Amino acid sequence: MSNMTRQKSAGQTTPATPLSTRPALRGSGERTKAVAASTILWIMAVAFGFPVLWFVLSSFKPAGDLFSYPLTLFPESWDVTGYSQAWESYDFYKFFLNTTIVAVITTILTVVASACTGYALAKYKNPWLKVFFVCILATTMLPTEVILSPTFLVIRDLGLYDSLAGLIVPSIITATGILMFRQFFVTVPDSLVEAARIDGASELGIFARIMIPIAKPIIVTLAIFSFQWRWNDYIWPLIVINDPGKFTLQIAIQSIVGADNVNWSVLLSASVISILPLVLLFIVFQKYVMNADINAGLKE
């Protein structure tokens, strides 16, 4: 009886799911998640990009067509009068040059100062450096509006009021840049620095020939951020600059808005001109930003 039961149970085998279908099921699930994620990203891109597209295309419309009904996305007749008026009649080339000078010089000085400070905080073991680092961290907890008044008093007493230097000097030191470089240099092995010292390299040589080349992703990333911050800065130039000939782009755009009427064609064209350098900057350097790992140095 037991043999017959054993033979019957041995003959009744449950069909198993073929192994070849399991990866296919797993792959289809992953494909569904990827399609859903891509769909959400495309919806967000359209939601954010459509107003920008409307804004850019509206700058090519004649002033009379901006508020015509029904609204149209593309201009019926392309008009660049707003661009010519903004560039020539409103002396936009002067404001463009002022903003370029401030943004470029500040970016260079910010990268140099942040790299030097971040390297010192990461590789030198002095107690006062720890106190200095805590003070830098404390500045990130203060809103910008809190330090505007004392910063303005310092700039005024230094004789930098109503000058481009008054825009540049207070913006050189940024806690963000210092923290970025410090975080990167901390991951660089100390043995690399010690080996360079044994070979007779000076401290400046170690910093310039070893640290700076491997910190290229951080340099590019901070340079892009700093340029963007200074290019879009509005509050500080509004406080410091009084001479219309030294206005930056953001102050110049605000001056186009009159008390009684607004030349919308010129205002839209001037706004498009102001964002072009930032768009070109991102297009040229996006591969460095996307591939940059600001937390990774050389691992031991």
Protein backbone atom coordinates (compact mmCIF):
# COMPACT_ATOMS: atom_id res chain seq x y z
CA MET A 1 0.00 0.00 0.00
CA SER A 2 2.81 2.31 0.88
CA ASN A 3 4.59 1.47 -2.41
CA MET A 4 1.46 2.27 -4.44
CA THR A 5 1.01 5.58 -2.57
CA ARG A 6 4.66 6.38 -3.14
CA GLN A 7 4.35 5.64 -6.88
CA LYS A 8 1.13 7.67 -7.15
CA SER A 9 2.65 10.66 -5.37
CA ALA A 10 5.74 10.36 -7.51
CA GLY A 11 3.63 10.37 -10.66
CA GLN A 12 1.58 13.42 -9.68
CA THR A 13 3.96 16.33 -10.31
CA THR A 14 2.79 19.96 -10.20
CA PRO A 15 3.72 21.83 -13.35
CA ALA A 16 6.22 24.59 -12.51
CA THR A 17 6.38 28.04 -14.02
CA PRO A 18 9.07 28.13 -16.69
CA LEU A 19 12.14 30.00 -15.49
CA SER A 20 12.46 31.80 -18.79
CA THR A 21 9.30 33.83 -18.12
CA ARG A 22 10.48 35.23 -14.79
CA PRO A 23 13.07 37.68 -16.18
CA ALA A 24 10.52 38.76 -18.77
CA LEU A 25 8.00 39.54 -16.03
CA ARG A 26 10.61 41.43 -14.06
CA GLY A 27 11.71 43.31 -17.17
CA SER A 28 8.16 44.32 -18.05
CA GLY A 29 7.65 45.69 -14.51
CA GLU A 30 10.81 47.75 -14.73
CA ARG A 31 9.79 48.96 -18.17
CA THR A 32 6.41 50.08 -16.83
CA LYS A 33 8.09 52.03 -14.01
CA ALA A 34 10.47 53.67 -16.48
CA VAL A 35 7.62 54.68 -18.78
CA ALA A 36 5.65 56.12 -15.84
CA ALA A 37 8.67 58.08 -14.59
CA SER A 38 9.41 59.40 -18.08
CA THR A 39 5.79 60.45 -18.53
CA ILE A 40 5.83 62.39 -15.26
CA LEU A 41 9.09 64.11 -16.20
CA TRP A 42 7.73 65.08 -19.62
CA ILE A 43 4.59 66.52 -18.02
CA MET A 44 6.72 68.57 -15.62
CA ALA A 45 8.97 69.73 -18.47
CA VAL A 46 5.96 70.91 -20.47
CA ALA A 47 4.43 72.59 -17.41
CA PHE A 48 7.61 74.54 -16.71
CA GLY A 49 8.70 75.05 -20.31
CA PHE A 50 5.45 76.27 -21.83
CA PRO A 51 5.39 79.63 -19.97
CA VAL A 52 9.03 80.22 -20.94
CA LEU A 53 8.25 79.42 -24.58
CA TRP A 54 5.27 81.79 -24.49
CA PHE A 55 7.45 84.49 -22.94
CA VAL A 56 10.17 84.16 -25.60
CA LEU A 57 7.72 84.07 -28.52
CA SER A 58 5.81 87.05 -27.12
CA SER A 59 8.98 89.13 -27.30
CA PHE A 60 8.75 88.87 -31.11
CA LYS A 61 5.15 90.14 -31.22
CA PRO A 62 4.25 93.77 -31.95
CA ALA A 63 3.08 95.64 -28.86
CA GLY A 64 -0.51 95.74 -30.17
CA ASP A 65 -0.70 91.95 -30.50
CA LEU A 66 0.38 91.09 -26.95
CA PHE A 67 -3.09 91.54 -25.47
CA SER A 68 -5.18 90.77 -28.53
CA TYR A 69 -8.01 88.23 -28.24
CA PRO A 70 -7.95 85.34 -28.91
CA LEU A 71 -4.45 84.77 -27.59
CA THR A 72 -1.97 83.14 -29.95
CA LEU A 73 1.23 81.32 -29.17
CA PHE A 74 3.14 82.22 -32.32
CA PRO A 75 3.25 85.84 -33.53
CA GLU A 76 1.33 86.56 -36.70
CA SER A 77 4.10 88.91 -37.82
CA TRP A 78 7.58 88.60 -36.34
CA ASP A 79 8.87 91.90 -35.00
CA VAL A 80 12.31 92.64 -33.49
CA THR A 81 11.63 96.30 -32.77
CA GLY A 82 11.60 95.60 -29.04
CA TYR A 83 15.13 94.18 -29.19
CA SER A 84 16.51 97.13 -31.16
CA GLN A 85 14.86 99.62 -28.81
CA ALA A 86 16.11 97.83 -25.72
CA TRP A 87 19.67 97.59 -27.05
CA GLU A 88 19.97 101.12 -28.50
CA SER A 89 17.35 103.49 -27.07
CA TYR A 90 17.70 102.20 -23.49
CA ASP A 91 21.51 101.79 -23.70
CA PHE A 92 21.23 98.14 -22.81
CA TYR A 93 24.73 97.43 -24.05
CA LYS A 94 26.10 99.49 -21.14
CA PHE A 95 24.09 97.54 -18.58
CA PHE A 96 25.07 94.29 -20.28
CA LEU A 97 28.75 95.26 -20.02
CA ASN A 98 28.43 96.31 -16.37
CA THR A 99 26.77 93.02 -15.43
CA THR A 100 29.38 91.02 -17.35
CA ILE A 101 32.24 92.79 -15.57
CA VAL A 102 30.70 92.23 -12.14
CA ALA A 103 29.77 88.59 -12.81
CA VAL A 104 33.10 87.54 -14.37
CA ILE A 105 35.39 89.24 -11.84
CA THR A 106 33.32 88.08 -8.87
CA THR A 107 33.23 84.51 -10.19
CA ILE A 108 37.00 84.33 -10.61
CA LEU A 109 37.70 85.77 -7.16
CA THR A 110 35.02 83.57 -5.56
CA VAL A 111 36.51 80.38 -7.00
CA VAL A 112 40.05 81.34 -5.92
CA ALA A 113 39.03 82.39 -2.40
CA SER A 114 36.76 79.38 -1.88
CA ALA A 115 39.39 76.92 -3.11
CA CYS A 116 42.10 78.33 -0.85
CA THR A 117 39.83 78.47 2.19
CA GLY A 118 38.37 75.02 1.59
CA TYR A 119 41.85 73.50 1.22
CA ALA A 120 43.06 75.10 4.47
CA LEU A 121 39.99 73.91 6.38
CA ALA A 122 40.36 70.37 5.03
CA LYS A 123 44.11 69.75 5.31
CA TYR A 124 45.45 71.95 8.11
CA LYS A 125 44.91 70.83 11.72
CA ASN A 126 44.87 74.08 13.68
CA PRO A 127 42.30 74.66 16.44
CA TRP A 128 41.46 78.18 15.26
CA LEU A 129 40.51 76.77 11.85
CA LYS A 130 37.75 74.74 13.49
CA VAL A 131 36.41 77.91 15.12
CA PHE A 132 36.60 79.68 11.77
CA PHE A 133 34.71 76.82 10.12
CA VAL A 134 31.96 77.02 12.73
CA CYS A 135 31.66 80.77 12.07
CA ILE A 136 31.30 80.07 8.34
CA LEU A 137 28.56 77.54 9.06
CA ALA A 138 26.83 80.11 11.27
CA THR A 139 26.58 82.56 8.38
CA THR A 140 24.45 80.09 6.45
CA MET A 141 21.80 80.36 9.17
CA LEU A 142 21.35 84.11 8.68
CA PRO A 143 18.96 85.44 6.04
CA THR A 144 20.53 87.75 3.49
CA GLU A 145 18.31 90.62 4.60
CA VAL A 146 19.88 90.55 8.08
CA ILE A 147 23.38 91.38 6.85
CA LEU A 148 22.40 93.92 4.17
CA SER A 149 22.51 96.90 6.53
CA PRO A 150 25.93 96.23 8.14
CA THR A 151 27.40 95.27 4.76
CA PHE A 152 26.17 98.54 3.26
CA LEU A 153 27.75 100.54 6.13
CA VAL A 154 31.09 98.81 5.55
CA ILE A 155 30.97 99.46 1.81
CA ARG A 156 30.06 103.10 2.39
CA ASP A 157 32.90 103.63 4.88
CA LEU A 158 35.37 102.02 2.46
CA GLY A 159 34.35 104.51 -0.24
CA LEU A 160 32.94 101.83 -2.53
CA TYR A 161 29.38 103.16 -2.64
CA ASP A 162 28.00 103.72 -6.14
CA SER A 163 30.77 101.73 -7.80
CA LEU A 164 31.06 98.32 -9.41
CA ALA A 165 33.68 97.41 -6.81
CA GLY A 166 30.96 97.81 -4.19
CA LEU A 167 29.06 95.01 -5.93
CA ILE A 168 32.09 92.74 -6.29
CA VAL A 169 33.85 92.86 -2.92
CA PRO A 170 31.01 91.67 -0.61
CA SER A 171 30.15 88.81 -2.94
CA ILE A 172 33.59 87.17 -3.11
CA ILE A 173 33.35 85.03 0.03
CA THR A 174 30.46 82.55 -0.03
CA ALA A 175 29.86 79.83 2.53
CA THR A 176 28.50 77.55 -0.19
CA GLY A 177 31.71 77.66 -2.21
CA ILE A 178 33.91 77.11 0.84
CA LEU A 179 31.86 74.12 1.97
CA MET A 180 31.93 72.60 -1.52
CA PHE A 181 35.72 72.73 -1.72
CA ARG A 182 36.24 71.62 1.87
CA GLN A 183 33.97 68.61 1.38
CA PHE A 184 35.90 67.65 -1.75
CA PHE A 185 39.40 68.13 -0.31
CA VAL A 186 38.51 66.11 2.81
CA THR A 187 38.09 63.03 0.59
CA VAL A 188 41.58 63.45 -0.88
CA PRO A 189 43.98 61.16 1.06
CA ASP A 190 46.44 62.93 3.38
CA SER A 191 49.09 60.48 2.19
CA LEU A 192 49.04 62.18 -1.21
CA VAL A 193 49.86 65.53 0.38
CA GLU A 194 52.54 64.01 2.61
CA ALA A 195 54.17 62.28 -0.36
CA ALA A 196 54.32 65.59 -2.22
CA ARG A 197 55.92 67.26 0.81
CA ILE A 198 58.53 64.51 1.06
CA ASP A 199 59.35 65.06 -2.62
CA GLY A 200 60.10 68.69 -1.80
CA ALA A 201 56.92 70.34 -3.12
CA SER A 202 55.96 73.61 -1.49
CA GLU A 203 52.51 74.19 0.01
CA LEU A 204 51.60 76.47 -2.87
CA GLY A 205 52.90 73.89 -5.35
CA ILE A 206 50.82 71.12 -3.75
CA PHE A 207 47.73 73.28 -3.93
CA ALA A 208 48.27 74.54 -7.48
CA ARG A 209 49.65 71.39 -9.13
CA ILE A 210 47.81 68.60 -7.31
CA MET A 211 44.66 69.87 -5.64
CA ILE A 212 43.38 72.33 -8.24
CA PRO A 213 43.57 69.90 -11.22
CA ILE A 214 41.61 67.16 -9.43
CA ALA A 215 39.03 69.72 -8.22
CA LYS A 216 38.06 70.73 -11.76
CA PRO A 217 34.41 69.56 -11.41
CA ILE A 218 33.98 71.67 -8.27
CA ILE A 219 35.59 74.68 -9.92
CA VAL A 220 33.28 74.52 -12.92
CA THR A 221 30.18 73.92 -10.79
CA LEU A 222 30.91 76.79 -8.40
CA ALA A 223 31.82 79.09 -11.30
CA ILE A 224 28.45 78.45 -12.94
CA PHE A 225 26.58 79.01 -9.67
CA SER A 226 28.52 82.17 -8.85
CA PHE A 227 28.05 83.64 -12.32
CA GLN A 228 24.33 82.93 -12.12
CA TRP A 229 24.02 84.49 -8.65
CA ARG A 230 25.77 87.70 -9.66
CA TRP A 231 24.00 87.92 -13.03
CA ASN A 232 20.57 87.66 -11.42
CA ASP A 233 21.36 89.76 -8.35
CA TYR A 234 18.83 92.54 -7.83
CA ILE A 235 18.62 93.65 -4.18
CA TRP A 236 22.30 94.46 -3.60
CA PRO A 237 22.82 96.49 -6.82
CA LEU A 238 19.58 98.33 -6.08
CA ILE A 239 21.00 99.43 -2.71
CA VAL A 240 24.58 100.20 -3.74
CA ILE A 241 24.29 101.70 -7.24
CA ASN A 242 22.82 105.17 -7.70
CA ASP A 243 24.38 106.25 -11.01
CA PRO A 244 22.17 105.10 -13.96
CA GLY A 245 25.32 104.59 -16.04
CA LYS A 246 26.43 101.84 -13.63
CA PHE A 247 23.15 99.94 -13.47
CA THR A 248 23.20 96.18 -13.93
CA LEU A 249 20.73 94.35 -16.16
CA GLN A 250 18.22 93.56 -13.44
CA ILE A 251 18.05 97.19 -12.29
CA ALA A 252 17.83 98.37 -15.90
CA ILE A 253 14.91 96.03 -16.59
CA GLN A 254 13.12 97.36 -13.53
CA SER A 255 13.67 100.93 -14.72
CA ILE A 256 11.77 100.16 -17.95
CA VAL A 257 8.60 99.76 -15.89
CA GLY A 258 7.16 103.27 -15.72
CA ALA A 259 4.73 104.69 -13.19
CA ASP A 260 1.90 105.13 -15.69
CA ASN A 261 2.59 102.73 -18.55
CA VAL A 262 4.80 99.79 -19.43
CA ASN A 263 6.40 99.20 -22.80
CA TRP A 264 5.78 95.47 -22.77
CA SER A 265 7.52 94.84 -26.08
CA VAL A 266 10.78 96.38 -24.83
CA LEU A 267 10.41 94.78 -21.40
CA LEU A 268 9.99 91.26 -22.82
CA SER A 269 12.87 91.73 -25.27
CA ALA A 270 15.17 93.04 -22.54
CA SER A 271 14.27 90.08 -20.33
CA VAL A 272 15.12 87.62 -23.10
CA ILE A 273 18.47 89.37 -23.63
CA SER A 274 19.22 89.06 -19.91
CA ILE A 275 18.71 85.27 -19.82
CA LEU A 276 20.65 84.41 -22.99
CA PRO A 277 24.12 84.28 -21.33
CA LEU A 278 22.85 81.92 -18.63
CA VAL A 279 21.29 79.60 -21.20
CA LEU A 280 24.49 79.52 -23.26
CA LEU A 281 26.55 78.95 -20.12
CA PHE A 282 24.47 75.94 -19.15
CA ILE A 283 24.54 74.48 -22.67
CA VAL A 284 28.34 74.71 -22.84
CA PHE A 285 29.11 73.39 -19.35
CA GLN A 286 26.17 71.11 -18.60
CA LYS A 287 28.26 67.95 -19.03
CA TYR A 288 30.58 69.07 -16.23
CA VAL A 289 27.68 69.85 -13.90
CA MET A 290 25.73 66.67 -14.64
CA ASN A 291 28.80 64.43 -14.24
CA ALA A 292 30.25 66.23 -11.22
CA ASP A 293 30.34 64.38 -7.92
CA ILE A 294 31.17 67.07 -5.39
CA ASN A 295 31.52 64.52 -2.58
CA ALA A 296 34.06 62.27 -4.30
CA GLY A 297 37.80 62.83 -4.31
CA LEU A 298 40.52 60.21 -4.38
CA LYS A 299 39.64 57.24 -2.19
CA GLU A 300 42.27 55.58 -0.04
